[in-house]
Amino acid sequence: MEELSLHILDIVQNSIDAEATRVSILIEEDTEKDTLKIIIEDNGKGIPEEVMEKIKDPFFSTKQKKTGLGISLLAQSAAEAEGSMNIRSEPGKGTTVEAVFKRSHIDRKPLGDLTSTLISLIAGNPDVDFYFEYRIDKNCYIFDTSEVKKMLEEVPINYPGVLSLLREEIRDGIERLRKGGRI
C-alpha cells in the first residue's frame, strides 16, 4: 500500500468485519515532536488472545483469504519511518490499533486521499457510525456521522446527493486544517 489512507481503509474494514457499530479514526500530526499518529478504535467483538499472538504475521488470517497483510503491512510502514505499531483489544469490547511514524522521514508514506477513504466507508457501511478527528498541532477538524444522521432524519447517509455534500465538507475541512485555519 502506497498511501496511509489505504491502510486506514483496510484496518477499518477489519473493525466492520468484527461487527463494530462505531469506529473512531484519529490522525494526529505533531510538527514539534515530528510525529504522525494514526489511531483506529472500534467497539467490535475484539480479538481473542490466541489471535493477538499471531496478528502481525502476514501468513496468518482469520479470513478465508488466508493472508493477514493489512496489519503486517501497517506495522512495516510504521517501522520503515522510524515508528511503531501497537494493538490493544479486549474480547467483547473492541480493538485499538495505533501506528506512529516519524513525520519527516523520507520513507513515510503520504497520507493519501482521506476524503475518498471516508466517503467509501460511509457509502458502503451506512449503519456504522464513523468519528473522524484530524489534528495538526493545536488545530483540529472533526467529522461525526452520528451527528450527520441526526440532521438527515429519514434520509439515508449513503444517498448519492448526501455523499456528494459530505465529500465536499470533508475535503474542505481537511484543506482548511492543513492551511492552519481554525475549524
C-alpha atoms as a PDB file:
ATOM      1  CA  MET A   1       0.000   0.000   0.000  1.00  0.00           C
ATOM      2  CA  GLU A   2       1.493   3.266  -1.119  1.00  0.00           C
ATOM      3  CA  GLU A   3      -0.704   5.579   0.972  1.00  0.00           C
ATOM      4  CA  LEU A   4      -1.630   5.542   4.639  1.00  0.00           C
ATOM      5  CA  SER A   5      -5.283   6.196   3.758  1.00  0.00           C
ATOM      6  CA  LEU A   6      -5.387   2.708   2.212  1.00  0.00           C
ATOM      7  CA  HIS A   7      -4.025   1.238   5.447  1.00  0.00           C
ATOM      8  CA  ILE A   8      -6.789   3.107   7.295  1.00  0.00           C
ATOM      9  CA  LEU A   9      -9.395   1.686   4.902  1.00  0.00           C
ATOM     10  CA  ASP A  10      -8.095  -1.846   5.470  1.00  0.00           C
ATOM     11  CA  ILE A  11      -7.943  -1.596   9.278  1.00  0.00           C
ATOM     12  CA  VAL A  12     -11.416  -0.025   9.465  1.00  0.00           C
ATOM     13  CA  GLN A  13     -12.758  -2.829   7.272  1.00  0.00           C
ATOM     14  CA  ASN A  14     -11.367  -5.257   9.877  1.00  0.00           C
ATOM     15  CA  SER A  15     -13.364  -3.328  12.504  1.00  0.00           C
ATOM     16  CA  ILE A  16     -16.522  -3.612  10.424  1.00  0.00           C
ATOM     17  CA  ASP A  17     -15.896  -7.338   9.907  1.00  0.00           C
ATOM     18  CA  ALA A  18     -15.651  -7.577  13.713  1.00  0.00           C
ATOM     19  CA  GLU A  19     -19.210  -6.203  13.937  1.00  0.00           C
ATOM     20  CA  ALA A  20     -18.253  -2.712  15.120  1.00  0.00           C
ATOM     21  CA  THR A  21     -21.107  -0.212  15.133  1.00  0.00           C
ATOM     22  CA  ARG A  22     -18.830   2.756  15.851  1.00  0.00           C
ATOM     23  CA  VAL A  23     -15.307   3.327  14.553  1.00  0.00           C
ATOM     24  CA  SER A  24     -13.117   6.274  15.547  1.00  0.00           C
ATOM     25  CA  ILE A  25     -10.251   7.386  13.334  1.00  0.00           C
ATOM     26  CA  LEU A  26      -7.762   9.844  14.803  1.00  0.00           C
ATOM     27  CA  ILE A  27      -4.895  11.312  12.811  1.00  0.00           C
ATOM     28  CA  GLU A  28      -2.525  13.496  14.770  1.00  0.00           C
ATOM     29  CA  GLU A  29       0.415  15.413  13.316  1.00  0.00           C
ATOM     30  CA  ASP A  30       2.755  16.986  15.837  1.00  0.00           C
ATOM     31  CA  THR A  31       5.238  19.174  13.981  1.00  0.00           C
ATOM     32  CA  GLU A  32       7.257  19.918  17.119  1.00  0.00           C
ATOM     33  CA  LYS A  33       7.727  16.250  18.047  1.00  0.00           C
ATOM     34  CA  ASP A  34       7.933  15.318  14.335  1.00  0.00           C
ATOM     35  CA  THR A  35       5.345  12.552  14.685  1.00  0.00           C
ATOM     36  CA  LEU A  36       2.336  11.377  12.743  1.00  0.00           C
ATOM     37  CA  LYS A  37      -0.002   9.138  14.688  1.00  0.00           C
ATOM     38  CA  ILE A  38      -2.969   7.131  13.402  1.00  0.00           C
ATOM     39  CA  ILE A  39      -5.334   5.584  15.935  1.00  0.00           C
ATOM     40  CA  ILE A  40      -8.303   3.450  14.905  1.00  0.00           C
ATOM     41  CA  GLU A  41     -10.609   2.376  17.700  1.00  0.00           C
ATOM     42  CA  ASP A  42     -13.762   0.289  17.445  1.00  0.00           C
ATOM     43  CA  ASN A  43     -16.459  -1.248  19.599  1.00  0.00           C
ATOM     44  CA  GLY A  44     -16.393  -4.576  17.738  1.00  0.00           C
ATOM     45  CA  LYS A  45     -16.121  -8.037  19.220  1.00  0.00           C
ATOM     46  CA  GLY A  46     -12.390  -7.708  19.914  1.00  0.00           C
ATOM     47  CA  ILE A  47      -9.547 -10.066  19.174  1.00  0.00           C
ATOM     48  CA  PRO A  48      -9.092 -13.303  21.136  1.00  0.00           C
ATOM     49  CA  GLU A  49      -5.752 -13.693  22.939  1.00  0.00           C
ATOM     50  CA  GLU A  50      -4.633 -16.616  20.759  1.00  0.00           C
ATOM     51  CA  VAL A  51      -5.163 -14.482  17.638  1.00  0.00           C
ATOM     52  CA  MET A  52      -3.376 -11.443  19.157  1.00  0.00           C
ATOM     53  CA  GLU A  53      -0.203 -13.535  19.438  1.00  0.00           C
ATOM     54  CA  LYS A  54      -0.165 -14.114  15.655  1.00  0.00           C
ATOM     55  CA  ILE A  55      -1.781 -10.935  14.354  1.00  0.00           C
ATOM     56  CA  LYS A  56       1.342  -9.307  12.881  1.00  0.00           C
ATOM     57  CA  ASP A  57       2.280 -12.457  10.938  1.00  0.00           C
ATOM     58  CA  PRO A  58       1.485 -11.838   7.240  1.00  0.00           C
ATOM     59  CA  PHE A  59       0.751 -15.542   6.736  1.00  0.00           C
ATOM     60  CA  PHE A  60      -1.882 -15.676   9.470  1.00  0.00           C
ATOM     61  CA  SER A  61      -5.504 -14.763   8.899  1.00  0.00           C
ATOM     62  CA  THR A  62      -8.872 -15.474  10.415  1.00  0.00           C
ATOM     63  CA  LYS A  63     -10.438 -14.889   6.985  1.00  0.00           C
ATOM     64  CA  GLN A  64     -10.795 -17.247   4.055  1.00  0.00           C
ATOM     65  CA  LYS A  65      -8.130 -15.432   2.003  1.00  0.00           C
ATOM     66  CA  LYS A  66      -5.520 -16.853   4.431  1.00  0.00           C
ATOM     67  CA  THR A  67      -3.173 -13.862   4.421  1.00  0.00           C
ATOM     68  CA  GLY A  68      -3.311 -11.130   7.023  1.00  0.00           C
ATOM     69  CA  LEU A  69      -1.367  -8.496   5.157  1.00  0.00           C
ATOM     70  CA  GLY A  70      -3.246  -5.434   6.455  1.00  0.00           C
ATOM     71  CA  ILE A  71      -1.855  -5.370   9.992  1.00  0.00           C
ATOM     72  CA  SER A  72       1.595  -6.580   8.976  1.00  0.00           C
ATOM     73  CA  LEU A  73       1.883  -4.005   6.177  1.00  0.00           C
ATOM     74  CA  LEU A  74       0.878  -1.175   8.518  1.00  0.00           C
ATOM     75  CA  ALA A  75       3.449  -2.365  11.068  1.00  0.00           C
ATOM     76  CA  GLN A  76       6.088  -2.497   8.307  1.00  0.00           C
ATOM     77  CA  SER A  77       5.180   1.015   7.073  1.00  0.00           C
ATOM     78  CA  ALA A  78       5.498   2.395  10.600  1.00  0.00           C
ATOM     79  CA  ALA A  79       8.858   0.657  11.160  1.00  0.00           C
ATOM     80  CA  GLU A  80      10.202   1.951   7.834  1.00  0.00           C
ATOM     81  CA  ALA A  81       9.512   5.509   9.062  1.00  0.00           C
ATOM     82  CA  GLU A  82      11.198   5.025  12.475  1.00  0.00           C
ATOM     83  CA  GLY A  83       7.835   4.368  14.077  1.00  0.00           C
ATOM     84  CA  SER A  84       5.908   1.616  15.757  1.00  0.00           C
ATOM     85  CA  MET A  85       2.537  -0.071  15.871  1.00  0.00           C
ATOM     86  CA  ASN A  86       0.576  -1.267  18.871  1.00  0.00           C
ATOM     87  CA  ILE A  87      -2.701  -3.188  19.099  1.00  0.00           C
ATOM     88  CA  ARG A  88      -4.877  -3.380  22.197  1.00  0.00           C
ATOM     89  CA  SER A  89      -8.000  -5.477  22.244  1.00  0.00           C
ATOM     90  CA  GLU A  90     -10.494  -6.779  24.712  1.00  0.00           C
ATOM     91  CA  PRO A  91     -12.858  -9.529  23.585  1.00  0.00           C
ATOM     92  CA  GLY A  92     -16.422  -8.248  23.634  1.00  0.00           C
ATOM     93  CA  LYS A  93     -15.359  -4.604  23.968  1.00  0.00           C
ATOM     94  CA  GLY A  94     -13.320  -3.661  20.906  1.00  0.00           C
ATOM     95  CA  THR A  95      -9.895  -3.025  19.473  1.00  0.00           C
ATOM     96  CA  THR A  96      -7.495  -0.102  19.163  1.00  0.00           C
ATOM     97  CA  VAL A  97      -4.762  -0.013  16.520  1.00  0.00           C
ATOM     98  CA  GLU A  98      -2.164   2.729  16.923  1.00  0.00           C
ATOM     99  CA  ALA A  99       0.590   3.437  14.409  1.00  0.00           C
ATOM    100  CA  VAL A 100       3.216   6.124  14.951  1.00  0.00           C
ATOM    101  CA  PHE A 101       5.536   7.447  12.243  1.00  0.00           C
ATOM    102  CA  LYS A 102       8.391   9.927  12.170  1.00  0.00           C
ATOM    103  CA  ARG A 103       6.537  12.635  10.270  1.00  0.00           C
ATOM    104  CA  SER A 104       9.508  13.943   8.272  1.00  0.00           C
ATOM    105  CA  HIS A 105      11.037  10.551   7.493  1.00  0.00           C
ATOM    106  CA  ILE A 106      11.818  10.142   3.815  1.00  0.00           C
ATOM    107  CA  ASP A 107      10.242   6.656   3.807  1.00  0.00           C
ATOM    108  CA  ARG A 108       6.974   7.705   5.458  1.00  0.00           C
ATOM    109  CA  LYS A 109       4.163   7.047   3.063  1.00  0.00           C
ATOM    110  CA  PRO A 110       1.893  10.020   2.255  1.00  0.00           C
ATOM    111  CA  LEU A 111      -1.495  10.204   3.951  1.00  0.00           C
ATOM    112  CA  GLY A 112      -3.237   9.958   0.592  1.00  0.00           C
ATOM    113  CA  ASP A 113      -6.875  10.708  -0.159  1.00  0.00           C
ATOM    114  CA  LEU A 114      -8.514  10.741   3.268  1.00  0.00           C
ATOM    115  CA  THR A 115     -11.726  12.201   1.855  1.00  0.00           C
ATOM    116  CA  SER A 116     -12.279   9.316  -0.575  1.00  0.00           C
ATOM    117  CA  THR A 117     -11.403   6.804   2.133  1.00  0.00           C
ATOM    118  CA  LEU A 118     -14.029   8.232   4.477  1.00  0.00           C
ATOM    119  CA  ILE A 119     -16.677   8.527   1.762  1.00  0.00           C
ATOM    120  CA  SER A 120     -16.064   4.905   0.700  1.00  0.00           C
ATOM    121  CA  LEU A 121     -16.509   3.740   4.287  1.00  0.00           C
ATOM    122  CA  ILE A 122     -19.694   5.785   4.774  1.00  0.00           C
ATOM    123  CA  ALA A 123     -21.203   4.749   1.434  1.00  0.00           C
ATOM    124  CA  GLY A 124     -20.570   1.052   1.966  1.00  0.00           C
ATOM    125  CA  ASN A 125     -21.459   0.936   5.668  1.00  0.00           C
ATOM    126  CA  PRO A 126     -24.370   3.294   6.357  1.00  0.00           C
ATOM    127  CA  ASP A 127     -25.266   1.532   9.631  1.00  0.00           C
ATOM    128  CA  VAL A 128     -21.821   2.122  11.132  1.00  0.00           C
ATOM    129  CA  ASP A 129     -21.056   5.422  12.855  1.00  0.00           C
ATOM    130  CA  PHE A 130     -17.685   6.912  11.936  1.00  0.00           C
ATOM    131  CA  TYR A 131     -15.953   9.521  14.054  1.00  0.00           C
ATOM    132  CA  PHE A 132     -13.023  11.201  12.287  1.00  0.00           C
ATOM    133  CA  GLU A 133     -10.654  13.590  14.002  1.00  0.00           C
ATOM    134  CA  TYR A 134      -7.621  15.087  12.303  1.00  0.00           C
ATOM    135  CA  ARG A 135      -5.270  17.243  14.378  1.00  0.00           C
ATOM    136  CA  ILE A 136      -2.299  19.259  13.267  1.00  0.00           C
ATOM    137  CA  ASP A 137      -0.626  20.712  16.337  1.00  0.00           C
ATOM    138  CA  LYS A 138      -3.344  22.701  18.149  1.00  0.00           C
ATOM    139  CA  ASN A 139      -5.805  22.835  15.239  1.00  0.00           C
ATOM    140  CA  CYS A 140      -8.407  20.149  14.707  1.00  0.00           C
ATOM    141  CA  TYR A 141     -11.093  19.025  12.240  1.00  0.00           C
ATOM    142  CA  ILE A 142     -13.849  16.689  13.451  1.00  0.00           C
ATOM    143  CA  PHE A 143     -16.468  14.861  11.414  1.00  0.00           C
ATOM    144  CA  ASP A 144     -19.015  12.542  13.034  1.00  0.00           C
ATOM    145  CA  THR A 145     -21.581  10.590  11.009  1.00  0.00           C
ATOM    146  CA  SER A 146     -23.820  10.112  14.057  1.00  0.00           C
ATOM    147  CA  GLU A 147     -24.337  13.903  14.126  1.00  0.00           C
ATOM    148  CA  VAL A 148     -24.993  13.986  10.386  1.00  0.00           C
ATOM    149  CA  LYS A 149     -27.535  11.164  10.673  1.00  0.00           C
ATOM    150  CA  LYS A 150     -29.470  13.138  13.318  1.00  0.00           C
ATOM    151  CA  MET A 151     -29.736  16.094  10.930  1.00  0.00           C
ATOM    152  CA  LEU A 152     -30.731  13.897   7.998  1.00  0.00           C
ATOM    153  CA  GLU A 153     -33.554  12.217   9.940  1.00  0.00           C
ATOM    154  CA  GLU A 154     -35.085   9.777   7.416  1.00  0.00           C
ATOM    155  CA  VAL A 155     -32.694  10.448   4.508  1.00  0.00           C
ATOM    156  CA  PRO A 156     -30.056   7.687   4.224  1.00  0.00           C
ATOM    157  CA  ILE A 157     -26.491   8.876   4.775  1.00  0.00           C
ATOM    158  CA  ASN A 158     -25.385   6.929   1.706  1.00  0.00           C
ATOM    159  CA  TYR A 159     -27.877   8.684  -0.579  1.00  0.00           C
ATOM    160  CA  PRO A 160     -25.812   9.967  -3.567  1.00  0.00           C
ATOM    161  CA  GLY A 161     -26.696  13.643  -3.005  1.00  0.00           C
ATOM    162  CA  VAL A 162     -25.768  13.381   0.671  1.00  0.00           C
ATOM    163  CA  LEU A 163     -22.466  11.667  -0.153  1.00  0.00           C
ATOM    164  CA  SER A 164     -21.637  14.460  -2.587  1.00  0.00           C
ATOM    165  CA  LEU A 165     -22.221  17.098   0.116  1.00  0.00           C
ATOM    166  CA  LEU A 166     -20.257  15.077   2.678  1.00  0.00           C
ATOM    167  CA  ARG A 167     -17.336  14.709   0.259  1.00  0.00           C
ATOM    168  CA  GLU A 168     -17.233  18.487  -0.152  1.00  0.00           C
ATOM    169  CA  GLU A 169     -17.485  19.110   3.619  1.00  0.00           C
ATOM    170  CA  ILE A 170     -14.725  16.635   4.498  1.00  0.00           C
ATOM    171  CA  ARG A 171     -12.424  17.803   1.698  1.00  0.00           C
ATOM    172  CA  ASP A 172     -12.890  21.481   2.646  1.00  0.00           C
ATOM    173  CA  GLY A 173     -12.424  20.762   6.360  1.00  0.00           C
ATOM    174  CA  ILE A 174      -9.153  18.912   5.766  1.00  0.00           C
ATOM    175  CA  GLU A 175      -7.911  21.657   3.432  1.00  0.00           C
ATOM    176  CA  ARG A 176      -8.715  24.390   5.993  1.00  0.00           C
ATOM    177  CA  LEU A 177      -6.921  22.393   8.672  1.00  0.00           C
ATOM    178  CA  ARG A 178      -3.824  21.909   6.525  1.00  0.00           C
ATOM    179  CA  LYS A 179      -3.735  25.644   5.787  1.00  0.00           C
ATOM    180  CA  GLY A 180      -3.665  26.327   9.521  1.00  0.00           C
ATOM    181  CA  GLY A 181      -7.192  27.624   9.850  1.00  0.00           C
ATOM    182  CA  ARG A 182      -9.338  27.013  12.877  1.00  0.00           C
ATOM    183  CA  ILE A 183     -12.090  24.510  12.264  1.00  0.00           C
END
